[in-house]
Protein backbone atom coordinates (compact mmCIF):
# COMPACT_ATOMS: atom_id res chain seq x y z
CA UNK A 1 7.37 -7.89 21.23
CA UNK A 2 5.59 -9.49 23.99
CA UNK A 3 8.48 -9.72 26.41
CA UNK A 4 9.05 -6.08 25.76
CA UNK A 5 6.47 -4.17 23.99
CA UNK A 6 4.06 -4.94 21.17
CA UNK A 7 5.06 -3.02 18.16
CA UNK A 8 2.70 -2.51 15.21
CA UNK A 9 3.29 -3.75 11.71
CA UNK A 10 6.85 -3.11 10.72
CA UNK A 11 6.08 -2.62 7.00
CA UNK A 12 3.17 0.08 7.75
CA UNK A 13 0.61 -2.09 5.90
CA UNK A 14 -1.93 -2.37 8.67
CA UNK A 15 -5.35 -1.33 8.21
CA UNK A 16 -8.14 -2.81 6.23
CA UNK A 17 -7.61 -3.89 2.70
CA UNK A 18 -7.77 -0.93 0.44
CA UNK A 19 -8.75 -0.97 -3.29
CA UNK A 20 -5.87 -1.53 -5.90
CA UNK A 21 -7.45 0.11 -8.75
CA UNK A 22 -3.93 0.72 -10.42
CA UNK A 23 -3.67 -3.05 -10.73
CA UNK A 24 -5.58 -5.11 -13.39
CA UNK A 25 -8.30 -7.41 -12.35
CA UNK A 26 -6.59 -10.24 -13.79
CA UNK A 27 -3.60 -9.80 -11.37
CA UNK A 28 -5.91 -8.98 -8.17
CA UNK A 29 -8.05 -11.90 -8.54
CA UNK A 30 -5.21 -14.45 -9.73
CA UNK A 31 -3.93 -16.48 -6.89
CA UNK A 32 -1.01 -17.53 -9.25
CA UNK A 33 1.00 -15.32 -11.49
CA UNK A 34 3.41 -15.85 -14.27
CA UNK A 35 6.25 -13.74 -16.01
CA UNK A 36 3.88 -12.93 -19.28
CA UNK A 37 1.03 -11.74 -16.81
CA UNK A 38 3.30 -9.37 -14.93
CA UNK A 39 5.17 -8.33 -18.33
CA UNK A 40 2.04 -7.28 -20.06
CA UNK A 41 1.51 -4.74 -16.95
CA UNK A 42 4.85 -3.38 -17.53
CA UNK A 43 5.84 -4.74 -13.94
CA UNK A 44 9.67 -5.35 -13.96
CA UNK A 45 10.75 -8.62 -12.18
CA UNK A 46 13.70 -8.94 -9.93
CA UNK A 47 15.25 -12.03 -8.92
CA UNK A 48 16.30 -12.78 -5.40
CA UNK A 49 16.47 -16.41 -3.98
CA UNK A 50 15.47 -15.46 -0.60
CA UNK A 51 12.88 -12.56 0.37
CA UNK A 52 12.20 -11.36 3.89
CA UNK A 53 9.29 -9.17 4.23
CA UNK A 54 9.15 -6.62 7.07
CA UNK A 55 12.51 -5.15 7.91
CA UNK A 56 12.17 -5.27 11.57
CA UNK A 57 13.86 -7.22 14.04
CA UNK A 58 12.46 -10.52 12.64
CA UNK A 59 13.82 -9.93 9.34
CA UNK A 60 17.13 -8.81 11.06
CA UNK A 61 17.29 -12.33 13.02
CA UNK A 62 16.58 -14.23 9.63
CA UNK A 63 19.33 -12.19 7.80
CA UNK A 64 21.76 -12.50 10.42
CA UNK A 65 21.60 -16.15 10.66
CA UNK A 66 21.50 -16.75 7.01
CA UNK A 67 24.82 -14.35 6.60
CA UNK A 68 26.44 -16.56 9.28
CA UNK A 69 25.31 -19.77 7.31
CA UNK A 70 27.25 -18.47 4.20
CA UNK A 71 24.69 -16.86 2.13
CA UNK A 72 25.70 -13.80 0.49
CA UNK A 73 24.18 -10.56 0.97
CA UNK A 74 23.36 -10.50 -2.81
CA UNK A 75 21.22 -13.44 -2.40
CA UNK A 76 18.93 -11.86 0.12
CA UNK A 77 16.32 -9.29 -0.20
CA UNK A 78 14.96 -7.34 2.68
CA UNK A 79 11.56 -5.54 1.52
CA UNK A 80 10.68 -2.79 3.94
CA UNK A 81 9.47 0.79 4.27
CA UNK A 82 11.86 1.38 7.50
CA UNK A 83 15.45 2.27 7.39
CA UNK A 84 16.77 0.48 10.22
CA UNK A 85 15.55 -2.78 11.78
CA UNK A 86 15.10 -1.36 15.17
CA UNK A 87 12.90 1.50 13.91
CA UNK A 88 9.57 0.28 14.40
CA UNK A 89 10.29 -1.37 17.68
CA UNK A 90 12.08 1.79 18.94
CA UNK A 91 9.12 3.94 17.97
CA UNK A 92 6.38 2.30 19.87
CA UNK A 93 9.00 1.63 22.96
CA UNK A 94 9.36 5.33 22.96
CA UNK A 95 5.42 6.03 22.96
CA UNK A 96 5.26 3.32 25.68
CA UNK A 97 7.74 5.59 27.96
CA UNK A 98 10.63 3.36 27.40
CA UNK A 99 13.43 5.66 26.77
CA UNK A 100 16.90 4.87 25.69
CA UNK A 101 17.90 4.60 29.62
CA UNK A 102 14.91 2.49 30.64
CA UNK A 103 15.07 -1.23 30.70
CA UNK A 104 13.21 -3.66 28.58
CA UNK A 105 11.23 -6.77 29.56
CA UNK A 106 13.89 -9.09 28.17
CA UNK A 107 16.78 -11.23 30.09
CA UNK A 108 20.31 -10.85 29.71
CA UNK A 109 20.93 -13.74 27.30
CA UNK A 110 18.26 -12.86 24.82
CA UNK A 111 21.11 -10.77 22.89
CA UNK A 112 19.47 -9.63 19.59
CA UNK A 113 22.77 -8.98 17.71
CA UNK A 114 24.53 -12.29 19.02
CA UNK A 115 22.94 -15.89 18.35
CA UNK A 116 25.63 -17.12 20.68
CA UNK A 117 24.37 -15.07 23.62
CA UNK A 118 27.97 -14.30 24.68
CA UNK A 119 28.96 -11.84 25.99
CA UNK A 120 25.41 -11.13 27.38
CA UNK A 121 23.97 -7.83 28.00
CA UNK A 122 24.78 -8.06 31.63
CA UNK A 123 28.45 -8.57 30.83
CA UNK A 124 28.31 -5.68 28.15
CA UNK A 125 26.76 -3.37 30.75
CA UNK A 126 29.27 -4.20 33.33
CA UNK A 127 32.23 -3.56 31.01
CA UNK A 128 30.87 -0.23 29.69
CA UNK A 129 29.73 0.98 33.31
CA UNK A 130 33.00 -0.35 34.88
CA UNK A 131 31.05 -2.37 37.63
CA UNK A 132 30.41 -5.80 38.49
CA UNK A 133 26.82 -5.05 39.61
CA UNK A 134 24.95 -6.12 36.29
CA UNK A 135 26.99 -9.72 36.37
CA UNK A 136 26.26 -10.18 39.99
CA UNK A 137 22.53 -9.42 39.34
CA UNK A 138 22.27 -11.96 36.46
CA UNK A 139 23.91 -14.64 38.52
CA UNK A 140 21.69 -14.24 41.66
CA UNK A 141 18.48 -13.51 40.20
CA UNK A 142 15.79 -13.88 41.28
CA UNK A 143 16.31 -15.21 44.56
CA UNK A 144 18.77 -12.51 45.73
CA UNK A 145 18.26 -9.86 42.82
CA UNK A 146 15.61 -8.85 40.61
CA UNK A 147 15.81 -10.20 37.18
CA UNK A 148 18.39 -8.30 35.13
CA UNK A 149 17.09 -6.79 32.03
CA UNK A 150 19.02 -4.64 29.37
CA UNK A 151 18.50 -0.95 28.75
CA UNK A 152 16.67 -0.31 25.52
CA UNK A 153 19.52 2.03 24.25
CA UNK A 154 22.10 -0.77 24.57
CA UNK A 155 19.85 -2.96 22.34
CA UNK A 156 19.35 -0.49 19.83
CA UNK A 157 23.12 0.27 19.63
CA UNK A 158 23.98 -3.49 19.30
CA UNK A 159 21.33 -4.06 16.75
CA UNK A 160 22.78 -1.21 14.57
CA UNK A 161 26.07 -2.77 14.69
CA UNK A 162 25.07 -5.98 13.85
CA UNK A 163 23.34 -4.71 10.86
CA UNK A 164 26.26 -2.89 9.64
CA UNK A 165 28.43 -6.03 9.80
CA UNK A 166 26.07 -8.32 7.80
CA UNK A 167 25.56 -5.68 5.10
CA UNK A 168 22.02 -4.64 5.86
CA UNK A 169 22.08 -1.64 3.33
CA UNK A 170 23.08 -3.93 0.46
CA UNK A 171 20.15 -6.30 1.21
CA UNK A 172 17.47 -3.76 2.12
CA UNK A 173 14.89 -2.49 -0.73
CA UNK A 174 12.76 0.33 0.25
CA UNK A 175 8.87 0.14 -0.20
CA UNK A 176 5.58 -1.41 0.71
CA UNK A 177 4.78 -5.04 0.08
CA UNK A 178 1.48 -5.18 -1.12
CA UNK A 179 1.00 -8.80 -2.16
CA UNK A 180 2.74 -12.16 -2.03
CA UNK A 181 1.34 -14.59 -4.55
CA UNK A 182 2.36 -18.09 -5.70
CA UNK A 183 4.09 -18.17 -9.03
CA UNK A 184 3.17 -20.56 -11.67
CA UNK A 185 6.22 -22.94 -12.00
CA UNK A 186 7.03 -22.68 -8.34
CA UNK A 187 8.05 -20.25 -5.74
CA UNK A 188 6.60 -16.70 -5.12
CA UNK A 189 6.27 -13.25 -6.36
CA UNK A 190 6.41 -10.43 -3.66
CA UNK A 191 4.79 -7.23 -5.31
CA UNK A 192 6.61 -4.11 -3.92
CA UNK A 193 5.40 -0.51 -4.28
CA UNK A 194 8.78 1.69 -4.26
CA UNK A 195 8.82 5.06 -2.61
CA UNK A 196 7.58 7.69 -4.93
CA UNK A 197 10.10 8.98 -7.64
CA UNK A 198 12.64 6.33 -6.56
CA UNK A 199 11.85 3.86 -9.56
CA UNK A 200 10.75 3.98 -12.94
CA UNK A 201 7.57 1.74 -12.38
CA UNK A 202 4.91 1.90 -9.60
CA UNK A 203 5.51 -1.76 -8.86
CA UNK A 204 8.15 -4.32 -8.75
CA UNK A 205 7.89 -7.93 -8.52
CA UNK A 206 10.64 -9.99 -6.75
CA UNK A 207 10.60 -13.47 -7.92
CA UNK A 208 12.00 -15.88 -5.10
CA UNK A 209 12.04 -19.63 -4.13
CA UNK A 210 11.78 -18.82 -0.53
CA UNK A 211 9.87 -16.08 1.26
CA UNK A 212 10.06 -15.13 4.94
CA UNK A 213 7.16 -12.88 6.30
CA UNK A 214 7.76 -10.94 9.69
CA UNK A 215 6.05 -7.92 9.69
CA UNK A 216 5.20 -7.62 13.18
CA UNK A 217 1.64 -7.06 15.05
CA UNK A 218 -1.31 -6.22 12.76
CA UNK A 219 -1.49 -3.19 14.88
CA UNK A 220 -3.09 -1.93 18.00
CA UNK A 221 -6.62 -1.26 18.70
CA UNK A 222 -8.42 0.50 21.42
CA UNK A 223 -11.03 -1.07 23.91
CA UNK A 224 -14.26 -0.84 22.34
CA UNK A 225 -15.94 1.86 24.28
CA UNK A 226 -13.02 4.06 23.77
CA UNK A 227 -12.91 3.35 20.21
CA UNK A 228 -16.55 4.34 19.91
CA UNK A 229 -15.91 7.50 21.73
CA UNK A 230 -13.15 8.43 19.21
CA UNK A 231 -15.30 7.75 16.43
CA UNK A 232 -18.46 9.56 17.61
CA UNK A 233 -16.73 12.71 19.00
CA UNK A 234 -13.56 12.66 16.94
CA UNK A 235 -11.63 13.26 20.15
CA UNK A 236 -7.94 12.37 19.40
CA UNK A 237 -6.33 14.47 21.98
CA UNK A 238 -7.95 13.28 25.29
CA UNK A 239 -8.63 9.83 24.63
CA UNK A 240 -5.31 8.08 23.53
CA UNK A 241 -3.66 4.76 23.18
CA UNK A 242 -0.37 3.99 25.13
CA UNK A 243 1.13 2.75 21.64
CA UNK A 244 0.72 5.84 19.94
CA UNK A 245 2.43 9.45 20.45
CA UNK A 246 0.84 10.98 23.43
CA UNK A 247 3.60 13.04 24.84
CA UNK A 248 0.95 16.02 25.15
CA UNK A 249 -0.58 14.33 28.02
CA UNK A 250 2.68 14.47 30.16
CA UNK A 251 3.29 18.01 28.86
CA UNK A 252 0.01 19.24 30.03
CA UNK A 253 0.17 17.53 33.42
CA UNK A 254 3.39 19.61 34.05
CA UNK A 255 1.57 22.87 33.19
CA UNK A 256 -1.40 22.35 35.24
CA UNK A 257 -3.28 19.90 37.68
CA UNK A 258 -4.81 17.28 35.68
CA UNK A 259 -6.57 13.76 36.24
CA UNK A 260 -5.45 10.84 34.11
CA UNK A 261 -7.64 7.64 33.92
CA UNK A 262 -5.42 4.70 32.94
CA UNK A 263 -6.89 1.74 31.74
CA UNK A 264 -4.97 -1.70 31.79
CA UNK A 265 -2.84 -3.68 34.13
CA UNK A 266 -0.02 -4.83 32.13
CA UNK A 267 3.56 -3.71 31.44
CA UNK A 268 2.73 -0.97 29.42
CA UNK A 269 -0.11 0.30 31.98
CA UNK A 270 2.93 -0.15 34.59
CA UNK A 271 5.31 2.37 32.61
CA UNK A 272 2.51 5.08 31.92
CA UNK A 273 1.83 5.05 35.82
CA UNK A 274 5.81 5.06 36.63
CA UNK A 275 6.18 7.98 34.09
CA UNK A 276 3.38 10.00 35.78
CA UNK A 277 4.63 9.61 39.25
CA UNK A 278 8.27 10.19 38.19
CA UNK A 279 7.07 13.49 36.60
CA UNK A 280 5.14 14.27 39.80
CA UNK A 281 8.53 13.86 41.81
CA UNK A 282 10.86 15.43 39.21
CA UNK A 283 8.63 18.52 38.22
CA UNK A 284 6.13 19.15 41.25
CA UNK A 285 3.31 18.20 38.69
CA UNK A 286 -0.03 17.62 40.77
CA UNK A 287 -1.37 14.81 38.49
CA UNK A 288 -4.26 12.62 40.15
CA UNK A 289 -3.99 9.01 38.53
CA UNK A 290 -7.23 6.88 38.56
CA UNK A 291 -6.34 3.15 37.31
CA UNK A 292 -9.51 1.38 36.07
CA UNK A 293 -9.10 -2.71 36.30
CA UNK A 294 -11.46 -5.01 34.54
CA UNK A 295 -10.21 -7.97 36.39
CA UNK A 296 -8.52 -7.30 39.68
CA UNK A 297 -5.83 -9.58 40.80
CA UNK A 298 -5.74 -9.83 44.86
CA UNK A 299 -3.47 -13.02 45.13
CA UNK A 300 -1.32 -15.58 43.58
CA UNK A 301 -2.80 -17.25 40.13
CA UNK A 302 -2.85 -20.93 39.31
CA UNK A 303 -4.05 -24.22 41.07
CA UNK A 304 -0.35 -25.78 41.59
CA UNK A 305 2.11 -24.38 43.96
CA UNK A 306 4.68 -25.36 41.18
CA UNK A 307 2.79 -23.54 38.47
CA UNK A 308 1.57 -20.40 40.06
CA UNK A 309 2.18 -16.64 39.28
CA UNK A 310 2.08 -14.09 42.36
CA UNK A 311 -0.10 -11.27 42.44
CA UNK A 312 -1.60 -8.70 44.37
CA UNK A 313 -3.08 -4.89 44.30
CA UNK A 314 -4.70 -5.49 41.01
CA UNK A 315 -1.53 -6.78 39.07
CA UNK A 316 -0.27 -10.35 37.97
CA UNK A 317 3.40 -10.40 38.37
CA UNK A 318 5.78 -12.34 36.16
CA UNK A 319 9.22 -11.10 35.32
CA UNK A 320 8.71 -12.01 31.57
CA UNK A 321 5.54 -12.68 29.42
CA UNK A 322 5.97 -16.42 29.76
CA UNK A 323 7.83 -18.67 32.26
CA UNK A 324 11.57 -18.83 31.19
CA UNK A 325 11.31 -22.88 30.73
CA UNK A 326 9.05 -21.55 27.60
CA UNK A 327 12.16 -20.48 25.85
CA UNK A 328 13.98 -23.38 26.44
CA UNK A 329 12.99 -25.95 29.04
CA UNK A 330 10.43 -28.57 29.56
CA UNK A 331 7.47 -26.11 29.10
CA UNK A 332 8.83 -25.42 25.48
CA UNK A 333 8.98 -29.37 24.87
CA UNK A 334 5.49 -29.73 26.40
CA UNK A 335 4.00 -26.87 23.99
CA UNK A 336 6.02 -28.32 20.90
CA UNK A 337 4.32 -31.84 21.48
CA UNK A 338 0.46 -30.21 21.29
CA UNK A 339 -1.67 -29.38 18.51
CA UNK A 340 -4.71 -27.09 18.05
CA UNK A 341 -6.73 -26.20 21.04
CA UNK A 342 -4.67 -28.04 23.65
CA UNK A 343 -1.62 -25.99 22.62
CA UNK A 344 -3.68 -22.80 22.37
CA UNK A 345 -4.94 -23.10 25.90
CA UNK A 346 -1.63 -24.04 27.56
CA UNK A 347 -0.15 -20.99 25.97
CA UNK A 348 -3.18 -18.66 27.18
CA UNK A 349 -2.67 -20.30 30.77
CA UNK A 350 1.20 -19.57 30.85
CA UNK A 351 0.76 -16.06 29.44
CA UNK A 352 -2.00 -13.55 29.94
CA UNK A 353 -1.59 -9.84 31.15
CA UNK A 354 1.27 -9.59 33.62
CA UNK A 355 3.71 -7.10 34.68
CA UNK A 356 7.32 -7.00 36.28
CA UNK A 357 7.29 -6.74 39.98
CA UNK A 358 9.99 -4.21 40.11
CA UNK A 359 10.06 -3.08 44.04
CA UNK A 360 10.67 0.69 42.96
CA UNK A 361 7.57 0.70 40.68
CA UNK A 362 5.47 -0.90 43.57
CA UNK A 363 6.68 1.46 46.19
CA UNK A 364 5.60 4.26 44.12
CA UNK A 365 2.05 2.86 43.96
CA UNK A 366 1.94 2.37 47.47
CA UNK A 367 3.16 6.06 48.16
CA UNK A 368 0.44 7.10 45.63
CA UNK A 369 -2.29 5.44 47.46
CA UNK A 370 -1.13 6.84 51.16
CA UNK A 371 -0.73 10.33 49.55
CA UNK A 372 -4.02 10.16 47.91
CA UNK A 373 -2.89 10.97 44.07
CA UNK A 374 -3.14 7.32 42.96
CA UNK A 375 -6.78 5.56 43.15
CA UNK A 376 -7.82 2.21 41.83
CA UNK A 377 -11.38 1.32 40.63
CA UNK A 378 -12.51 -1.84 39.31
CA UNK A 379 -15.53 -2.38 37.24
CA UNK A 380 -16.96 -2.56 33.36
CA UNK A 381 -17.33 0.72 31.51
CA UNK A 382 -21.02 1.48 30.76
CA UNK A 383 -20.31 4.77 28.71
CA UNK A 384 -17.88 7.29 27.67
CA UNK A 385 -18.62 10.61 26.82
CA UNK A 386 -17.39 14.16 26.80
CA UNK A 387 -18.21 16.30 29.89
CA UNK A 388 -20.75 19.32 29.57
CA UNK A 389 -18.11 21.98 28.86
CA UNK A 390 -16.23 19.42 26.52
CA UNK A 391 -12.93 19.90 28.35
CA UNK A 392 -12.73 16.29 30.19
CA UNK A 393 -13.92 12.92 29.43
CA UNK A 394 -16.60 11.15 31.75
CA UNK A 395 -16.42 7.53 32.10
CA UNK A 396 -19.32 5.70 33.75
CA UNK A 397 -18.37 2.50 35.46
CA UNK A 398 -20.37 -0.38 36.74
CA UNK A 399 -18.33 -1.32 39.94
CA UNK A 400 -17.92 -4.78 41.05
CA UNK A 401 -19.97 -4.23 44.12
CA UNK A 402 -23.09 -3.55 41.85
CA UNK A 403 -23.09 0.28 42.38
CA UNK A 404 -22.18 2.95 39.49
CA UNK A 405 -19.60 5.51 39.56
CA UNK A 406 -18.57 8.45 37.14
CA UNK A 407 -15.01 9.18 36.68
CA UNK A 408 -14.23 12.71 35.16
CA UNK A 409 -10.46 12.91 33.76
CA UNK A 410 -8.77 15.29 31.66
CA UNK A 411 -7.06 12.37 29.88
CA UNK A 412 -7.91 8.68 29.16
CA UNK A 413 -4.85 6.64 28.48
CA UNK A 414 -5.65 3.07 26.91
CA UNK A 415 -2.94 0.60 28.08
CA UNK A 416 -5.10 -2.70 27.69
CA UNK A 417 -2.59 -3.92 24.75
CA UNK A 418 -5.35 -5.32 22.59
CA UNK A 419 -4.13 -6.44 19.25
CA UNK A 420 -5.84 -6.09 15.92
CA UNK A 421 -7.02 -8.99 13.89
CA UNK A 422 -4.76 -10.55 11.28
CA UNK A 423 -7.11 -9.82 8.41
CA UNK A 424 -6.65 -5.94 9.35
CA UNK A 425 -2.91 -6.07 8.04
CA UNK A 426 -3.27 -5.67 4.29
CA UNK A 427 -0.61 -8.28 3.38
CA UNK A 428 -1.92 -10.86 5.62
CA UNK A 429 -5.48 -10.54 4.57
CA UNK A 430 -4.12 -11.01 1.10
CA UNK A 431 -2.11 -14.15 1.84
CA UNK A 432 -5.04 -15.76 3.58
CA UNK A 433 -7.30 -15.05 0.73
CA UNK A 434 -5.24 -16.01 -2.29
CA UNK A 435 -2.43 -18.27 -1.04
CA UNK A 436 -4.00 -21.22 0.89
CA UNK A 437 -2.51 -20.51 4.14
CA UNK A 438 -4.19 -21.42 7.33
CA UNK A 439 -4.71 -19.77 10.60
CA UNK A 440 -4.33 -21.38 14.05
CA UNK A 441 -6.49 -21.35 17.13
CA UNK A 442 -4.99 -17.83 17.98
CA UNK A 443 -5.98 -16.55 14.58
CA UNK A 444 -2.46 -16.25 13.37
CA UNK A 445 -0.51 -17.85 10.70
CA UNK A 446 -0.42 -21.68 11.28
CA UNK A 447 3.27 -22.93 11.15
CA UNK A 448 5.18 -26.14 11.20
CA UNK A 449 7.76 -26.63 13.94
CA UNK A 450 10.39 -25.33 11.22
CA UNK A 451 8.05 -21.97 10.96
CA UNK A 452 6.90 -22.92 7.31
CA UNK A 453 3.32 -21.60 6.75
CA UNK A 454 0.98 -24.61 6.42
CA UNK A 455 -0.64 -24.45 3.19
CA UNK A 456 1.60 -21.92 1.83
CA UNK A 457 4.08 -24.28 0.17
CA UNK A 458 4.71 -23.74 -3.72
CA UNK A 459 7.19 -26.41 -4.70
CA UNK A 460 9.90 -26.07 -4.92
CA UNK A 461 9.30 -22.87 -2.92
CA UNK A 462 8.54 -22.58 0.71
CA UNK A 463 6.68 -19.79 2.83
CA UNK A 464 8.00 -19.15 6.29
CA UNK A 465 6.69 -16.81 9.01
CA UNK A 466 8.02 -15.69 12.36
CA UNK A 467 7.54 -13.24 15.23
CA UNK A 468 3.99 -12.25 16.32
CA UNK A 469 2.46 -13.31 12.97
CA UNK A 470 3.28 -17.23 14.17
CA UNK A 471 1.90 -16.79 17.68
CA UNK A 472 0.28 -19.96 18.92
CA UNK A 473 2.70 -22.02 16.98
CA UNK A 474 4.97 -24.74 18.30
CA UNK A 475 7.20 -22.13 20.02
CA UNK A 476 5.19 -19.95 22.49
CA UNK A 477 7.68 -17.19 22.95
CA UNK A 478 8.02 -16.73 19.11
CA UNK A 479 7.80 -12.79 19.54
CA UNK A 480 10.53 -12.35 21.88
CA UNK A 481 13.98 -11.48 21.09
CA UNK A 482 15.33 -14.91 21.44
CA UNK A 483 12.22 -16.33 19.79
CA UNK A 484 12.87 -14.46 16.66
CA UNK A 485 16.45 -16.01 16.80
CA UNK A 486 15.00 -19.50 17.41
CA UNK A 487 12.54 -19.37 14.45
CA UNK A 488 15.49 -18.17 12.29
CA UNK A 489 17.75 -20.96 13.28
CA UNK A 490 14.97 -23.38 12.66
CA UNK A 491 14.25 -21.95 9.05
CA UNK A 492 17.93 -21.94 8.31
CA UNK A 493 17.83 -25.63 9.13
CA UNK A 494 15.11 -26.37 6.90
CA UNK A 495 16.93 -24.40 4.21
CA UNK A 496 19.94 -26.30 4.74
CA UNK A 497 18.12 -29.38 4.31
CA UNK A 498 16.93 -28.12 0.86
CA UNK A 499 20.58 -27.32 -0.04
CA UNK A 500 20.09 -23.66 0.06
CA UNK A 501 22.95 -22.86 2.72
CA UNK A 502 25.17 -24.71 4.97
CA UNK A 503 24.43 -25.77 8.42
CA UNK A 504 25.74 -23.96 11.21
CA UNK A 505 28.01 -26.49 12.84
CA UNK A 506 30.57 -26.29 15.49
CA UNK A 507 33.39 -25.29 13.13
CA UNK A 508 31.30 -22.55 11.25
CA UNK A 509 29.93 -21.31 14.53
CA UNK A 510 33.13 -20.75 16.15
CA UNK A 511 34.68 -19.11 13.02
CA UNK A 512 31.71 -16.74 12.89
CA UNK A 513 31.78 -16.07 16.53
CA UNK A 514 35.30 -14.90 16.28
CA UNK A 515 34.51 -12.74 13.20
CA UNK A 516 31.46 -11.24 15.26
CA UNK A 517 33.86 -10.33 18.05
CA UNK A 518 36.36 -8.55 15.73
CA UNK A 519 33.29 -6.94 14.04
CA UNK A 520 34.31 -8.50 10.73
CA UNK A 521 31.77 -8.67 7.97
CA UNK A 522 30.02 -12.36 8.14
């Protein structure tokens, strides 16, 4: 997520659209299906009023709010190929060098397992560690203290508790969702491929009035020059992406002196740099680190003093990926009132590549510069190729002063954080092609303020989307913990207006919070 890490697609359905030779052409080409069409192919139909596709944190937030609103678990189907809602997020966080004891880029009140945000992560940590320091930090941030952010392990444990409380296993259906198509007569069919050997048929169609899509990012992609290198030389060991498993880089650095070239200047690049320096301090590794910047930040960014982001030494600093007012203040209201390019431009201005200005991490880089094991370069890459002996990677860089330099490194870590195109996700590509949905200025699904996907309605059915697939909509921080919950609440309000569930009023909210405190089923 953008305020923590950017995970790939939760359902594992990223990648170019593949042939579907096992399905008849009538189903593949048809934008709307009927029960006789599916029956003729021997595809069984399962009814579920509400289907959420993805099974990650977005699906958890949606199912959580619906259960709190009184929807029984039997009326919700979570179609997913992961076992637990934090699985994909946890995997990518680990690859990004965020272990269970490290802190995420999320605030104390963005409590993933608790829509009431009380008790906050800071209060919970204060109780578990028997110290008031986390609460003091959250009360005095950012003037007297750095922003409080929760440990990732704390988030995972709380997500697991809430999943168990709302009956996640009773709602979860294992498998890959290949397509979501309109149903002739209203609503939708979600076509699921169950795990091999788990079902008597290769396909199962879930018939639903409401479908919610929360499949995470379409995936990550390399910087173009690094992708060309990998494609040309098939070297998957020396050139790696920060979001993929690359523990061998750190293991090798502990065994012998190596040079590591880090590309990027965002939060993930910061974590990679910190891991490399931590290993130097803890194990005596003699790693040399070279960081290559495409754009070098040497001072505050922004034209107005009240709308300015601090920066320096190559980095733009921001505690979270957006100003806090984008979650629930005047910036949120401003974004909600805009459409099209105006909204996209404002969100781009507020966001962009940035990292957390933690004092300990900045001190590490300053020490690295003094001691000579950390260097910076600024420029554009001209070429990437293996060395003559094939044991390292040579990167030729056109520097900002017009000169050219070659950087020879044992490993290159791409931490630029580029995201794959929406159409590289198989389900999203199929939706765009067959369901009439529209994309926004950011190339993501265009959604209403209620998070209904524009162009996807099939009366009386509704198609919703939340998370990174809805970036660029009326809520800028949609792919954060709080953003996922906000979207779920807006969708639940829309469903309540259609009579599908009860509104979460004051009485229900208090009663449900008391059940949460006692860990009683929703």
